[in-house]
Amino acid sequence: QVGVVESGGGLVQAGGSLKLSCVASGGTFSMLAMGWFRQAPGMDREFVAAIGRYEGDTDYGDLVKGRFFISRNNAENTIHLQMNELKPEDTAIYYCAARWTVSMNVYTAALEYGSWGRGTQVAVSS
């Protein structure tokens, strides 16, 4: 069973930046596809960004394209989410997710992931 732990959330003013991190344990990291999702109060969980087993395979939700950037460091079993030009509507709990795969796919649906972290709160003030 893969465990994932998020960090890096906090309070930031609109227009600012934050960098989230997610460390995975209990599996061969290079065999994991990873993703970020978020959930605001009263809303459904929303896809934010995903990365396949290779650094260059990424996908983003429409609301964050061009502002958020996902990356992975296989040597440190870590992925990052660099969030720029933050908006109040980016306020949510951000969750990291992982799934084992032999493919090069990038997974954008929450149901495709089997391991989830507890989330980290991001709050953007106007």
Protein backbone atom coordinates (compact mmCIF):
# COMPACT_ATOMS: atom_id res chain seq x y z
CA GLN A 1 0.00 0.00 0.00
CA VAL A 2 1.38 3.35 -1.04
CA GLY A 3 1.24 6.18 1.48
CA VAL A 4 1.26 9.83 0.44
CA VAL A 5 1.71 12.92 2.59
CA GLU A 6 1.15 16.48 1.43
CA SER A 7 2.81 19.64 2.71
CA GLY A 8 3.22 23.28 1.80
CA GLY A 9 -0.26 24.70 2.15
CA GLY A 10 -0.98 28.02 3.78
CA LEU A 11 -2.51 31.46 3.47
CA VAL A 12 -1.43 33.73 0.62
CA GLN A 13 -2.70 36.92 -0.96
CA ALA A 14 -4.23 36.91 -4.41
CA GLY A 15 -1.53 37.03 -7.05
CA GLY A 16 0.95 35.22 -4.85
CA SER A 17 2.53 31.78 -5.14
CA LEU A 18 2.73 28.59 -3.13
CA LYS A 19 4.54 25.30 -3.71
CA LEU A 20 2.96 22.08 -2.51
CA SER A 21 4.91 18.88 -2.04
CA CYS A 22 3.83 15.26 -1.78
CA VAL A 23 6.04 12.42 -0.59
CA ALA A 24 5.13 8.84 -1.46
CA SER A 25 6.26 5.79 0.45
CA GLY A 26 5.70 2.04 0.37
CA GLY A 27 6.15 1.54 -3.35
CA THR A 28 8.57 1.93 -6.22
CA PHE A 29 8.13 5.63 -6.93
CA SER A 30 9.11 5.37 -10.58
CA MET A 31 6.13 3.05 -11.10
CA LEU A 32 3.66 5.56 -9.69
CA ALA A 33 1.51 7.99 -11.61
CA MET A 34 0.60 10.93 -9.39
CA GLY A 35 -2.02 13.63 -9.26
CA TRP A 36 -3.32 16.64 -7.39
CA PHE A 37 -6.99 17.25 -6.72
CA ARG A 38 -8.75 19.91 -4.67
CA GLN A 39 -12.02 20.28 -2.86
CA ALA A 40 -13.61 23.51 -1.71
CA PRO A 41 -16.40 23.55 0.92
CA GLY A 42 -19.67 22.33 -0.57
CA MET A 43 -18.04 21.43 -3.86
CA ASP A 44 -17.04 18.17 -5.56
CA ARG A 45 -13.43 17.09 -5.67
CA GLU A 46 -11.81 18.68 -8.72
CA PHE A 47 -8.89 17.60 -10.86
CA VAL A 48 -5.95 20.00 -10.70
CA ALA A 49 -2.89 18.38 -12.25
CA ALA A 50 -1.39 14.99 -12.97
CA ILE A 51 1.95 13.57 -13.95
CA GLY A 52 2.81 10.22 -15.42
CA ARG A 53 5.83 8.11 -14.69
CA TYR A 54 7.96 10.45 -16.75
CA GLU A 55 8.55 14.11 -16.03
CA GLY A 56 7.28 15.33 -19.37
CA ASP A 57 3.88 13.64 -19.24
CA THR A 58 1.54 16.07 -17.54
CA ASP A 59 -2.04 17.30 -17.71
CA TYR A 60 -3.87 20.18 -16.04
CA GLY A 61 -7.39 21.20 -15.18
CA ASP A 62 -8.73 24.03 -17.31
CA LEU A 63 -8.93 26.45 -14.38
CA VAL A 64 -5.23 26.17 -13.54
CA LYS A 65 -3.56 25.80 -16.95
CA GLY A 66 -0.74 28.27 -17.36
CA ARG A 67 -0.64 29.08 -13.62
CA PHE A 68 0.11 25.74 -11.94
CA PHE A 69 2.96 23.39 -12.77
CA ILE A 70 3.45 19.81 -11.61
CA SER A 71 6.83 18.11 -11.42
CA ARG A 72 8.36 14.98 -9.95
CA ASN A 73 11.68 14.06 -8.40
CA ASN A 74 12.12 10.31 -8.53
CA ALA A 75 15.28 10.43 -6.42
CA GLU A 76 13.29 11.99 -3.55
CA ASN A 77 9.98 10.11 -4.09
CA THR A 78 8.33 13.50 -4.34
CA ILE A 79 6.06 15.51 -6.57
CA HIS A 80 5.54 19.23 -6.41
CA LEU A 81 2.79 21.59 -7.45
CA GLN A 82 4.00 25.11 -8.12
CA MET A 83 1.01 27.43 -7.92
CA ASN A 84 1.38 30.93 -9.34
CA GLU A 85 -1.02 33.85 -9.80
CA LEU A 86 -3.25 32.44 -7.11
CA LYS A 87 -6.88 33.54 -7.00
CA PRO A 88 -9.42 33.43 -4.15
CA GLU A 89 -11.26 30.70 -6.07
CA ASP A 90 -8.18 28.48 -5.70
CA THR A 91 -8.98 28.22 -2.00
CA ALA A 92 -9.50 24.54 -1.17
CA ILE A 93 -8.01 21.49 0.46
CA TYR A 94 -5.45 20.05 -1.94
CA TYR A 95 -5.04 16.29 -2.06
CA CYS A 96 -2.21 14.23 -3.49
CA ALA A 97 -3.04 10.89 -5.09
CA ALA A 98 -1.00 7.97 -6.38
CA ARG A 99 -1.54 4.85 -8.41
CA TRP A 100 0.77 2.07 -9.50
CA THR A 101 0.98 1.63 -13.28
CA VAL A 102 3.09 0.01 -15.97
CA SER A 103 1.77 2.41 -18.60
CA MET A 104 2.85 5.90 -19.61
CA ASN A 105 -0.65 7.23 -19.00
CA VAL A 106 -1.54 10.39 -17.14
CA TYR A 107 -4.64 9.89 -15.01
CA THR A 108 -7.08 12.76 -14.50
CA ALA A 109 -10.05 11.07 -12.80
CA ALA A 110 -10.15 10.66 -9.03
CA LEU A 111 -11.50 7.13 -9.28
CA GLU A 112 -8.34 6.06 -11.10
CA TYR A 113 -6.25 6.59 -7.98
CA GLY A 114 -6.02 4.17 -5.10
CA SER A 115 -3.90 6.07 -2.58
CA TRP A 116 -4.74 9.48 -1.14
CA GLY A 117 -3.21 11.84 1.35
CA ARG A 118 -5.09 13.72 4.05
CA GLY A 119 -4.81 17.01 2.21
CA THR A 120 -3.25 20.40 2.83
CA GLN A 121 -5.25 23.62 3.12
CA VAL A 122 -4.64 26.45 0.67
CA ALA A 123 -6.36 29.76 1.37
CA VAL A 124 -6.09 32.75 -0.97
CA SER A 125 -7.25 36.12 0.33
CA SER A 126 -8.52 38.87 -1.94
